[in-house]
Amino acid sequence: MLRRLSLPEHGAVELLVGVALIVLPFVLGFGPAALLASMAAGAVIAGLGLREGLPISAHMATDALASAALLAAAVALAAAGESIAAGVLAAAGAGELALGMATRWTRRV
């Protein structure tokens, strides 16, 4: 797979995903637990997108951890009957994994 996205583009996509995870619970009417999970994940992902100067290895590890946490939260919400919220978080987790694979993890100097 070609790694085409630069780090600033990666950050911009993370910012958009984070904001979407903060807004979507209100638009789609998530329950309290799903609202909390989605908003917390959105804040973390948006923060990663805005963060500059984080070592690349730390950012890669944090992206992998965020993906795993999103997918785990999706499973938990699906088990609790929050199928729409589970789908949103699963899509965000899969998207975060795909974003990491599509990113060129080098800084230009």
PDB file of N, CA and C in Angstrom:
ATOM      1  N   MET A   1       0.848  -1.181   0.000  1.00  0.00           N
ATOM      2  CA  MET A   1       0.000   0.000   0.000  1.00  0.00           C
ATOM      3  C   MET A   1       0.890   1.240   0.000  1.00  0.00           C
ATOM      4  N   LEU A   2       0.533   2.189  -0.809  1.00  0.00           N
ATOM      5  CA  LEU A   2       1.267   3.444  -0.854  1.00  0.00           C
ATOM      6  C   LEU A   2       0.880   4.314   0.333  1.00  0.00           C
ATOM      7  N   ARG A   3       1.860   4.896   0.933  1.00  0.00           N
ATOM      8  CA  ARG A   3       1.607   5.805   2.052  1.00  0.00           C
ATOM      9  C   ARG A   3       1.643   7.224   1.501  1.00  0.00           C
ATOM     10  N   ARG A   4       0.497   7.785   1.315  1.00  0.00           N
ATOM     11  CA  ARG A   4       0.384   9.063   0.629  1.00  0.00           C
ATOM     12  C   ARG A   4       0.124  10.252   1.543  1.00  0.00           C
ATOM     13  N   LEU A   5      -0.494  10.061   2.678  1.00  0.00           N
ATOM     14  CA  LEU A   5      -0.853  11.195   3.526  1.00  0.00           C
ATOM     15  C   LEU A   5       0.352  11.672   4.325  1.00  0.00           C
ATOM     16  N   SER A   6       0.562  12.970   4.329  1.00  0.00           N
ATOM     17  CA  SER A   6       1.624  13.545   5.151  1.00  0.00           C
ATOM     18  C   SER A   6       1.133  13.633   6.595  1.00  0.00           C
ATOM     19  N   LEU A   7       2.035  13.940   7.503  1.00  0.00           N
ATOM     20  CA  LEU A   7       1.639  14.063   8.903  1.00  0.00           C
ATOM     21  C   LEU A   7       0.633  15.199   9.137  1.00  0.00           C
ATOM     22  N   PRO A   8       0.788  16.368   8.495  1.00  0.00           N
ATOM     23  CA  PRO A   8      -0.247  17.400   8.669  1.00  0.00           C
ATOM     24  C   PRO A   8      -1.617  16.953   8.137  1.00  0.00           C
ATOM     25  N   GLU A   9      -1.635  16.227   7.036  1.00  0.00           N
ATOM     26  CA  GLU A   9      -2.915  15.713   6.510  1.00  0.00           C
ATOM     27  C   GLU A   9      -3.506  14.685   7.471  1.00  0.00           C
ATOM     28  N   HIS A  10      -2.660  13.844   8.022  1.00  0.00           N
ATOM     29  CA  HIS A  10      -3.091  12.861   9.013  1.00  0.00           C
ATOM     30  C   HIS A  10      -3.747  13.575  10.195  1.00  0.00           C
ATOM     31  N   GLY A  11      -3.080  14.642  10.662  1.00  0.00           N
ATOM     32  CA  GLY A  11      -3.623  15.405  11.778  1.00  0.00           C
ATOM     33  C   GLY A  11      -4.964  16.052  11.453  1.00  0.00           C
ATOM     34  N   ALA A  12      -5.103  16.547  10.231  1.00  0.00           N
ATOM     35  CA  ALA A  12      -6.365  17.169   9.830  1.00  0.00           C
ATOM     36  C   ALA A  12      -7.500  16.152   9.812  1.00  0.00           C
ATOM     37  N   VAL A  13      -7.217  14.950   9.324  1.00  0.00           N
ATOM     38  CA  VAL A  13      -8.242  13.899   9.305  1.00  0.00           C
ATOM     39  C   VAL A  13      -8.606  13.511  10.737  1.00  0.00           C
ATOM     40  N   GLU A  14      -7.614  13.390  11.605  1.00  0.00           N
ATOM     41  CA  GLU A  14      -7.907  13.060  13.003  1.00  0.00           C
ATOM     42  C   GLU A  14      -8.750  14.147  13.666  1.00  0.00           C
ATOM     43  N   LEU A  15      -8.465  15.384  13.363  1.00  0.00           N
ATOM     44  CA  LEU A  15      -9.261  16.474  13.926  1.00  0.00           C
ATOM     45  C   LEU A  15     -10.716  16.363  13.468  1.00  0.00           C
ATOM     46  N   LEU A  16     -10.927  16.102  12.183  1.00  0.00           N
ATOM     47  CA  LEU A  16     -12.294  15.956  11.665  1.00  0.00           C
ATOM     48  C   LEU A  16     -13.024  14.772  12.301  1.00  0.00           C
ATOM     49  N   VAL A  17     -12.334  13.655  12.433  1.00  0.00           N
ATOM     50  CA  VAL A  17     -12.940  12.471  13.052  1.00  0.00           C
ATOM     51  C   VAL A  17     -13.275  12.760  14.515  1.00  0.00           C
ATOM     52  N   GLY A  18     -12.360  13.424  15.213  1.00  0.00           N
ATOM     53  CA  GLY A  18     -12.612  13.766  16.608  1.00  0.00           C
ATOM     54  C   GLY A  18     -13.832  14.657  16.781  1.00  0.00           C
ATOM     55  N   VAL A  19     -13.933  15.673  15.953  1.00  0.00           N
ATOM     56  CA  VAL A  19     -15.094  16.568  16.027  1.00  0.00           C
ATOM     57  C   VAL A  19     -16.383  15.806  15.680  1.00  0.00           C
ATOM     58  N   ALA A  20     -16.309  14.927  14.695  1.00  0.00           N
ATOM     59  CA  ALA A  20     -17.484  14.130  14.332  1.00  0.00           C
ATOM     60  C   ALA A  20     -17.922  13.246  15.495  1.00  0.00           C
ATOM     61  N   LEU A  21     -16.963  12.658  16.209  1.00  0.00           N
ATOM     62  CA  LEU A  21     -17.319  11.809  17.358  1.00  0.00           C
ATOM     63  C   LEU A  21     -17.908  12.623  18.506  1.00  0.00           C
ATOM     64  N   ILE A  22     -17.606  13.893  18.566  1.00  0.00           N
ATOM     65  CA  ILE A  22     -18.189  14.754  19.595  1.00  0.00           C
ATOM     66  C   ILE A  22     -19.600  15.189  19.204  1.00  0.00           C
ATOM     67  N   VAL A  23     -19.829  15.444  17.918  1.00  0.00           N
ATOM     68  CA  VAL A  23     -21.127  15.964  17.455  1.00  0.00           C
ATOM     69  C   VAL A  23     -22.158  14.859  17.227  1.00  0.00           C
ATOM     70  N   LEU A  24     -21.736  13.730  16.668  1.00  0.00           N
ATOM     71  CA  LEU A  24     -22.681  12.679  16.274  1.00  0.00           C
ATOM     72  C   LEU A  24     -23.574  12.140  17.395  1.00  0.00           C
ATOM     73  N   PRO A  25     -23.107  12.032  18.640  1.00  0.00           N
ATOM     74  CA  PRO A  25     -24.021  11.543  19.678  1.00  0.00           C
ATOM     75  C   PRO A  25     -25.279  12.396  19.837  1.00  0.00           C
ATOM     76  N   PHE A  26     -25.145  13.691  19.621  1.00  0.00           N
ATOM     77  CA  PHE A  26     -26.308  14.573  19.744  1.00  0.00           C
ATOM     78  C   PHE A  26     -27.212  14.452  18.524  1.00  0.00           C
ATOM     79  N   VAL A  27     -26.605  14.311  17.359  1.00  0.00           N
ATOM     80  CA  VAL A  27     -27.378  14.209  16.122  1.00  0.00           C
ATOM     81  C   VAL A  27     -28.131  12.886  16.059  1.00  0.00           C
ATOM     82  N   LEU A  28     -27.463  11.812  16.491  1.00  0.00           N
ATOM     83  CA  LEU A  28     -28.042  10.472  16.366  1.00  0.00           C
ATOM     84  C   LEU A  28     -28.759   9.999  17.629  1.00  0.00           C
ATOM     85  N   GLY A  29     -28.732  10.769  18.685  1.00  0.00           N
ATOM     86  CA  GLY A  29     -29.464  10.427  19.895  1.00  0.00           C
ATOM     87  C   GLY A  29     -28.892   9.243  20.666  1.00  0.00           C
ATOM     88  N   PHE A  30     -27.586   9.233  20.889  1.00  0.00           N
ATOM     89  CA  PHE A  30     -26.964   8.154  21.661  1.00  0.00           C
ATOM     90  C   PHE A  30     -27.468   8.196  23.102  1.00  0.00           C
ATOM     91  N   GLY A  31     -27.442   7.035  23.754  1.00  0.00           N
ATOM     92  CA  GLY A  31     -27.735   6.956  25.179  1.00  0.00           C
ATOM     93  C   GLY A  31     -26.581   7.536  25.985  1.00  0.00           C
ATOM     94  N   PRO A  32     -26.754   7.644  27.311  1.00  0.00           N
ATOM     95  CA  PRO A  32     -25.726   8.283  28.148  1.00  0.00           C
ATOM     96  C   PRO A  32     -24.341   7.632  28.056  1.00  0.00           C
ATOM     97  N   ALA A  33     -24.273   6.319  28.126  1.00  0.00           N
ATOM     98  CA  ALA A  33     -22.968   5.646  28.079  1.00  0.00           C
ATOM     99  C   ALA A  33     -22.304   5.842  26.716  1.00  0.00           C
ATOM    100  N   ALA A  34     -23.068   5.722  25.664  1.00  0.00           N
ATOM    101  CA  ALA A  34     -22.531   5.899  24.315  1.00  0.00           C
ATOM    102  C   ALA A  34     -22.114   7.346  24.084  1.00  0.00           C
ATOM    103  N   LEU A  35     -22.886   8.276  24.609  1.00  0.00           N
ATOM    104  CA  LEU A  35     -22.540   9.694  24.494  1.00  0.00           C
ATOM    105  C   LEU A  35     -21.206   9.966  25.165  1.00  0.00           C
ATOM    106  N   LEU A  36     -21.025   9.447  26.369  1.00  0.00           N
ATOM    107  CA  LEU A  36     -19.779   9.652  27.100  1.00  0.00           C
ATOM    108  C   LEU A  36     -18.592   9.016  26.371  1.00  0.00           C
ATOM    109  N   ALA A  37     -18.754   7.791  25.907  1.00  0.00           N
ATOM    110  CA  ALA A  37     -17.670   7.095  25.210  1.00  0.00           C
ATOM    111  C   ALA A  37     -17.285   7.826  23.927  1.00  0.00           C
ATOM    112  N   SER A  38     -18.275   8.235  23.160  1.00  0.00           N
ATOM    113  CA  SER A  38     -18.003   8.893  21.893  1.00  0.00           C
ATOM    114  C   SER A  38     -17.355  10.256  22.095  1.00  0.00           C
ATOM    115  N   MET A  39     -17.850  11.022  23.053  1.00  0.00           N
ATOM    116  CA  MET A  39     -17.287  12.348  23.284  1.00  0.00           C
ATOM    117  C   MET A  39     -15.867  12.261  23.838  1.00  0.00           C
ATOM    118  N   ALA A  40     -15.611  11.309  24.717  1.00  0.00           N
ATOM    119  CA  ALA A  40     -14.255  11.148  25.256  1.00  0.00           C
ATOM    120  C   ALA A  40     -13.290  10.731  24.152  1.00  0.00           C
ATOM    121  N   ALA A  41     -13.700   9.776  23.331  1.00  0.00           N
ATOM    122  CA  ALA A  41     -12.847   9.335  22.223  1.00  0.00           C
ATOM    123  C   ALA A  41     -12.617  10.484  21.246  1.00  0.00           C
ATOM    124  N   GLY A  42     -13.657  11.254  20.967  1.00  0.00           N
ATOM    125  CA  GLY A  42     -13.522  12.389  20.063  1.00  0.00           C
ATOM    126  C   GLY A  42     -12.552  13.425  20.581  1.00  0.00           C
ATOM    127  N   ALA A  43     -12.591  13.695  21.875  1.00  0.00           N
ATOM    128  CA  ALA A  43     -11.677  14.675  22.459  1.00  0.00           C
ATOM    129  C   ALA A  43     -10.229  14.194  22.360  1.00  0.00           C
ATOM    130  N   VAL A  44     -10.010  12.904  22.629  1.00  0.00           N
ATOM    131  CA  VAL A  44      -8.647  12.359  22.548  1.00  0.00           C
ATOM    132  C   VAL A  44      -8.135  12.402  21.111  1.00  0.00           C
ATOM    133  N   ILE A  45      -8.963  11.975  20.163  1.00  0.00           N
ATOM    134  CA  ILE A  45      -8.525  11.928  18.769  1.00  0.00           C
ATOM    135  C   ILE A  45      -8.322  13.332  18.207  1.00  0.00           C
ATOM    136  N   ALA A  46      -9.212  14.255  18.537  1.00  0.00           N
ATOM    137  CA  ALA A  46      -9.024  15.639  18.090  1.00  0.00           C
ATOM    138  C   ALA A  46      -7.749  16.226  18.694  1.00  0.00           C
ATOM    139  N   GLY A  47      -7.484  15.907  19.953  1.00  0.00           N
ATOM    140  CA  GLY A  47      -6.257  16.369  20.595  1.00  0.00           C
ATOM    141  C   GLY A  47      -5.016  15.828  19.910  1.00  0.00           C
ATOM    142  N   LEU A  48      -5.070  14.562  19.492  1.00  0.00           N
ATOM    143  CA  LEU A  48      -3.945  13.988  18.748  1.00  0.00           C
ATOM    144  C   LEU A  48      -3.746  14.720  17.423  1.00  0.00           C
ATOM    145  N   GLY A  49      -4.843  15.061  16.784  1.00  0.00           N
ATOM    146  CA  GLY A  49      -4.752  15.758  15.507  1.00  0.00           C
ATOM    147  C   GLY A  49      -4.151  17.142  15.635  1.00  0.00           C
ATOM    148  N   LEU A  50      -4.357  17.774  16.769  1.00  0.00           N
ATOM    149  CA  LEU A  50      -3.843  19.127  16.985  1.00  0.00           C
ATOM    150  C   LEU A  50      -2.432  19.143  17.552  1.00  0.00           C
ATOM    151  N   ARG A  51      -2.000  18.018  18.056  1.00  0.00           N
ATOM    152  CA  ARG A  51      -0.702  17.939  18.740  1.00  0.00           C
ATOM    153  C   ARG A  51       0.458  17.984  17.750  1.00  0.00           C
ATOM    154  N   GLU A  52       1.374  18.902  17.978  1.00  0.00           N
ATOM    155  CA  GLU A  52       2.600  18.961  17.180  1.00  0.00           C
ATOM    156  C   GLU A  52       3.772  18.642  18.092  1.00  0.00           C
ATOM    157  N   GLY A  53       4.814  18.077  17.531  1.00  0.00           N
ATOM    158  CA  GLY A  53       6.006  17.802  18.307  1.00  0.00           C
ATOM    159  C   GLY A  53       6.006  16.468  19.014  1.00  0.00           C
ATOM    160  N   LEU A  54       4.912  15.731  18.940  1.00  0.00           N
ATOM    161  CA  LEU A  54       4.864  14.396  19.534  1.00  0.00           C
ATOM    162  C   LEU A  54       5.768  13.488  18.709  1.00  0.00           C
ATOM    163  N   PRO A  55       6.641  12.713  19.345  1.00  0.00           N
ATOM    164  CA  PRO A  55       7.478  11.805  18.557  1.00  0.00           C
ATOM    165  C   PRO A  55       6.621  10.883  17.683  1.00  0.00           C
ATOM    166  N   ILE A  56       7.112  10.602  16.495  1.00  0.00           N
ATOM    167  CA  ILE A  56       6.332   9.807  15.544  1.00  0.00           C
ATOM    168  C   ILE A  56       5.987   8.444  16.123  1.00  0.00           C
ATOM    169  N   SER A  57       6.935   7.806  16.794  1.00  0.00           N
ATOM    170  CA  SER A  57       6.663   6.483  17.362  1.00  0.00           C
ATOM    171  C   SER A  57       5.559   6.561  18.422  1.00  0.00           C
ATOM    172  N   ALA A  58       5.545   7.632  19.204  1.00  0.00           N
ATOM    173  CA  ALA A  58       4.501   7.804  20.212  1.00  0.00           C
ATOM    174  C   ALA A  58       3.146   8.035  19.550  1.00  0.00           C
ATOM    175  N   HIS A  59       3.126   8.806  18.470  1.00  0.00           N
ATOM    176  CA  HIS A  59       1.866   9.055  17.767  1.00  0.00           C
ATOM    177  C   HIS A  59       1.340   7.759  17.149  1.00  0.00           C
ATOM    178  N   MET A  60       2.229   6.971  16.553  1.00  0.00           N
ATOM    179  CA  MET A  60       1.808   5.699  15.964  1.00  0.00           C
ATOM    180  C   MET A  60       1.230   4.775  17.035  1.00  0.00           C
ATOM    181  N   ALA A  61       1.890   4.706  18.181  1.00  0.00           N
ATOM    182  CA  ALA A  61       1.420   3.851  19.271  1.00  0.00           C
ATOM    183  C   ALA A  61       0.079   4.339  19.812  1.00  0.00           C
ATOM    184  N   THR A  62      -0.060   5.657  19.941  1.00  0.00           N
ATOM    185  CA  THR A  62      -1.315   6.219  20.441  1.00  0.00           C
ATOM    186  C   THR A  62      -2.458   5.977  19.458  1.00  0.00           C
ATOM    187  N   ASP A  63      -2.169   6.077  18.159  1.00  0.00           N
ATOM    188  CA  ASP A  63      -3.187   5.785  17.156  1.00  0.00           C
ATOM    189  C   ASP A  63      -3.649   4.328  17.247  1.00  0.00           C
ATOM    190  N   ALA A  64      -2.705   3.416  17.425  1.00  0.00           N
ATOM    191  CA  ALA A  64      -3.055   1.997  17.546  1.00  0.00           C
ATOM    192  C   ALA A  64      -3.886   1.755  18.805  1.00  0.00           C
ATOM    193  N   LEU A  65      -3.508   2.388  19.905  1.00  0.00           N
ATOM    194  CA  LEU A  65      -4.257   2.251  21.154  1.00  0.00           C
ATOM    195  C   LEU A  65      -5.661   2.841  21.016  1.00  0.00           C
ATOM    196  N   ALA A  66      -5.758   3.994  20.375  1.00  0.00           N
ATOM    197  CA  ALA A  66      -7.075   4.614  20.162  1.00  0.00           C
ATOM    198  C   ALA A  66      -7.963   3.725  19.301  1.00  0.00           C
ATOM    199  N   SER A  67      -7.391   3.109  18.280  1.00  0.00           N
ATOM    200  CA  SER A  67      -8.164   2.198  17.422  1.00  0.00           C
ATOM    201  C   SER A  67      -8.682   1.015  18.219  1.00  0.00           C
ATOM    202  N   ALA A  68      -7.803   0.417  19.023  1.00  0.00           N
ATOM    203  CA  ALA A  68      -8.214  -0.725  19.839  1.00  0.00           C
ATOM    204  C   ALA A  68      -9.293  -0.328  20.843  1.00  0.00           C
ATOM    205  N   ALA A  69      -9.142   0.846  21.456  1.00  0.00           N
ATOM    206  CA  ALA A  69     -10.134   1.316  22.427  1.00  0.00           C
ATOM    207  C   ALA A  69     -11.477   1.588  21.757  1.00  0.00           C
ATOM    208  N   LEU A  70     -11.448   2.183  20.566  1.00  0.00           N
ATOM    209  CA  LEU A  70     -12.701   2.436  19.839  1.00  0.00           C
ATOM    210  C   LEU A  70     -13.407   1.129  19.491  1.00  0.00           C
ATOM    211  N   LEU A  71     -12.646   0.152  19.029  1.00  0.00           N
ATOM    212  CA  LEU A  71     -13.252  -1.126  18.665  1.00  0.00           C
ATOM    213  C   LEU A  71     -13.777  -1.867  19.900  1.00  0.00           C
ATOM    214  N   ALA A  72     -13.051  -1.798  21.018  1.00  0.00           N
ATOM    215  CA  ALA A  72     -13.521  -2.419  22.253  1.00  0.00           C
ATOM    216  C   ALA A  72     -14.792  -1.736  22.762  1.00  0.00           C
ATOM    217  N   ALA A  73     -14.823  -0.413  22.686  1.00  0.00           N
ATOM    218  CA  ALA A  73     -16.023   0.324  23.100  1.00  0.00           C
ATOM    219  C   ALA A  73     -17.203  -0.024  22.194  1.00  0.00           C
ATOM    220  N   ALA A  74     -16.941  -0.218  20.916  1.00  0.00           N
ATOM    221  CA  ALA A  74     -18.016  -0.605  19.991  1.00  0.00           C
ATOM    222  C   ALA A  74     -18.603  -1.953  20.373  1.00  0.00           C
ATOM    223  N   VAL A  75     -17.759  -2.901  20.728  1.00  0.00           N
ATOM    224  CA  VAL A  75     -18.241  -4.224  21.150  1.00  0.00           C
ATOM    225  C   VAL A  75     -19.076  -4.093  22.426  1.00  0.00           C
ATOM    226  N   ALA A  76     -18.581  -3.316  23.390  1.00  0.00           N
ATOM    227  CA  ALA A  76     -19.312  -3.136  24.643  1.00  0.00           C
ATOM    228  C   ALA A  76     -20.662  -2.459  24.413  1.00  0.00           C
ATOM    229  N   LEU A  77     -20.689  -1.447  23.556  1.00  0.00           N
ATOM    230  CA  LEU A  77     -21.954  -0.757  23.285  1.00  0.00           C
ATOM    231  C   LEU A  77     -22.927  -1.642  22.514  1.00  0.00           C
ATOM    232  N   ALA A  78     -22.402  -2.462  21.620  1.00  0.00           N
ATOM    233  CA  ALA A  78     -23.269  -3.398  20.899  1.00  0.00           C
ATOM    234  C   ALA A  78     -23.904  -4.384  21.872  1.00  0.00           C
ATOM    235  N   ALA A  79     -23.126  -4.855  22.835  1.00  0.00           N
ATOM    236  CA  ALA A  79     -23.646  -5.780  23.840  1.00  0.00           C
ATOM    237  C   ALA A  79     -24.702  -5.108  24.721  1.00  0.00           C
ATOM    238  N   ALA A  80     -24.582  -3.789  24.888  1.00  0.00           N
ATOM    239  CA  ALA A  80     -25.542  -3.038  25.706  1.00  0.00           C
ATOM    240  C   ALA A  80     -26.761  -2.584  24.909  1.00  0.00           C
ATOM    241  N   GLY A  81     -26.814  -2.936  23.627  1.00  0.00           N
ATOM    242  CA  GLY A  81     -27.973  -2.576  22.815  1.00  0.00           C
ATOM    243  C   GLY A  81     -27.883  -1.245  22.101  1.00  0.00           C
ATOM    244  N   GLU A  82     -26.747  -0.596  22.139  1.00  0.00           N
ATOM    245  CA  GLU A  82     -26.542   0.689  21.455  1.00  0.00           C
ATOM    246  C   GLU A  82     -25.936   0.422  20.080  1.00  0.00           C
ATOM    247  N   SER A  83     -26.728  -0.122  19.170  1.00  0.00           N
ATOM    248  CA  SER A  83     -26.182  -0.576  17.889  1.00  0.00           C
ATOM    249  C   SER A  83     -25.702   0.576  17.000  1.00  0.00           C
ATOM    250  N   ILE A  84     -26.391   1.693  16.996  1.00  0.00           N
ATOM    251  CA  ILE A  84     -25.968   2.815  16.155  1.00  0.00           C
ATOM    252  C   ILE A  84     -24.643   3.380  16.670  1.00  0.00           C
ATOM    253  N   ALA A  85     -24.552   3.572  17.975  1.00  0.00           N
ATOM    254  CA  ALA A  85     -23.313   4.071  18.571  1.00  0.00           C
ATOM    255  C   ALA A  85     -22.170   3.087  18.338  1.00  0.00           C
ATOM    256  N   ALA A  86     -22.469   1.802  18.460  1.00  0.00           N
ATOM    257  CA  ALA A  86     -21.444   0.783  18.230  1.00  0.00           C
ATOM    258  C   ALA A  86     -20.935   0.857  16.799  1.00  0.00           C
ATOM    259  N   GLY A  87     -21.826   1.044  15.853  1.00  0.00           N
ATOM    260  CA  GLY A  87     -21.422   1.164  14.454  1.00  0.00           C
ATOM    261  C   GLY A  87     -20.563   2.387  14.203  1.00  0.00           C
ATOM    262  N   VAL A  88     -20.916   3.498  14.826  1.00  0.00           N
ATOM    263  CA  VAL A  88     -20.131   4.732  14.660  1.00  0.00           C
ATOM    264  C   VAL A  88     -18.729   4.548  15.226  1.00  0.00           C
ATOM    265  N   LEU A  89     -18.631   3.987  16.440  1.00  0.00           N
ATOM    266  CA  LEU A  89     -17.313   3.806  17.046  1.00  0.00           C
ATOM    267  C   LEU A  89     -16.494   2.744  16.316  1.00  0.00           C
ATOM    268  N   ALA A  90     -17.134   1.704  15.826  1.00  0.00           N
ATOM    269  CA  ALA A  90     -16.414   0.691  15.050  1.00  0.00           C
ATOM    270  C   ALA A  90     -15.880   1.294  13.751  1.00  0.00           C
ATOM    271  N   ALA A  91     -16.688   2.115  13.098  1.00  0.00           N
ATOM    272  CA  ALA A  91     -16.235   2.769  11.868  1.00  0.00           C
ATOM    273  C   ALA A  91     -15.070   3.716  12.162  1.00  0.00           C
ATOM    274  N   ALA A  92     -15.144   4.436  13.270  1.00  0.00           N
ATOM    275  CA  ALA A  92     -14.049   5.337  13.641  1.00  0.00           C
ATOM    276  C   ALA A  92     -12.777   4.541  13.952  1.00  0.00           C
ATOM    277  N   GLY A  93     -12.924   3.422  14.642  1.00  0.00           N
ATOM    278  CA  GLY A  93     -11.760   2.589  14.952  1.00  0.00           C
ATOM    279  C   GLY A  93     -11.117   2.011  13.705  1.00  0.00           C
ATOM    280  N   ALA A  94     -11.946   1.501  12.804  1.00  0.00           N
ATOM    281  CA  ALA A  94     -11.424   0.967  11.544  1.00  0.00           C
ATOM    282  C   ALA A  94     -10.807   2.080  10.703  1.00  0.00           C
ATOM    283  N   GLY A  95     -11.444   3.243  10.715  1.00  0.00           N
ATOM    284  CA  GLY A  95     -10.905   4.385   9.979  1.00  0.00           C
ATOM    285  C   GLY A  95      -9.568   4.846  10.525  1.00  0.00           C
ATOM    286  N   GLU A  96      -9.423   4.813  11.841  1.00  0.00           N
ATOM    287  CA  GLU A  96      -8.153   5.201  12.457  1.00  0.00           C
ATOM    288  C   GLU A  96      -7.048   4.219  12.071  1.00  0.00           C
ATOM    289  N   LEU A  97      -7.377   2.932  12.013  1.00  0.00           N
ATOM    290  CA  LEU A  97      -6.397   1.938  11.553  1.00  0.00           C
ATOM    291  C   LEU A  97      -5.999   2.196  10.098  1.00  0.00           C
ATOM    292  N   ALA A  98      -6.992   2.445   9.255  1.00  0.00           N
ATOM    293  CA  ALA A  98      -6.721   2.717   7.839  1.00  0.00           C
ATOM    294  C   ALA A  98      -5.908   3.993   7.672  1.00  0.00           C
ATOM    295  N   LEU A  99      -6.211   4.993   8.485  1.00  0.00           N
ATOM    296  CA  LEU A  99      -5.470   6.254   8.425  1.00  0.00           C
ATOM    297  C   LEU A  99      -3.994   6.024   8.752  1.00  0.00           C
ATOM    298  N   GLY A 100      -3.737   5.225   9.777  1.00  0.00           N
ATOM    299  CA  GLY A 100      -2.362   4.921  10.136  1.00  0.00           C
ATOM    300  C   GLY A 100      -1.619   4.205   9.022  1.00  0.00           C
ATOM    301  N   MET A 101      -2.320   3.311   8.337  1.00  0.00           N
ATOM    302  CA  MET A 101      -1.680   2.569   7.244  1.00  0.00           C
ATOM    303  C   MET A 101      -1.459   3.452   6.015  1.00  0.00           C
ATOM    304  N   ALA A 102      -2.252   4.485   5.862  1.00  0.00           N
ATOM    305  CA  ALA A 102      -2.148   5.348   4.679  1.00  0.00           C
ATOM    306  C   ALA A 102      -1.239   6.555   4.900  1.00  0.00           C
ATOM    307  N   THR A 103      -0.640   6.643   6.074  1.00  0.00           N
ATOM    308  CA  THR A 103       0.176   7.811   6.415  1.00  0.00           C
ATOM    309  C   THR A 103       1.647   7.554   6.131  1.00  0.00           C
ATOM    310  N   ARG A 104       2.306   8.550   5.596  1.00  0.00           N
ATOM    311  CA  ARG A 104       3.756   8.533   5.415  1.00  0.00           C
ATOM    312  C   ARG A 104       4.354   9.067   6.713  1.00  0.00           C
ATOM    313  N   TRP A 105       4.887   8.189   7.539  1.00  0.00           N
ATOM    314  CA  TRP A 105       5.327   8.534   8.885  1.00  0.00           C
ATOM    315  C   TRP A 105       6.732   9.126   8.891  1.00  0.00           C
ATOM    316  N   THR A 106       6.934  10.186   8.173  1.00  0.00           N
ATOM    317  CA  THR A 106       8.218  10.887   8.185  1.00  0.00           C
ATOM    318  C   THR A 106       7.959  12.390   8.257  1.00  0.00           C
ATOM    319  N   ARG A 107       8.870  13.074   8.889  1.00  0.00           N
ATOM    320  CA  ARG A 107       8.785  14.542   8.943  1.00  0.00           C
ATOM    321  C   ARG A 107       9.718  15.105   7.879  1.00  0.00           C
ATOM    322  N   ARG A 108       9.243  16.089   7.200  1.00  0.00           N
ATOM    323  CA  ARG A 108      10.096  16.777   6.214  1.00  0.00           C
ATOM    324  C   ARG A 108      10.817  17.903   6.915  1.00  0.00           C
ATOM    325  N   VAL A 109      12.100  18.022   6.653  1.00  0.00           N
ATOM    326  CA  VAL A 109      12.885  19.109   7.284  1.00  0.00           C
ATOM    327  C   VAL A 109      13.375  20.095   6.271  1.00  0.00           C
TER     328      VAL A 109
END
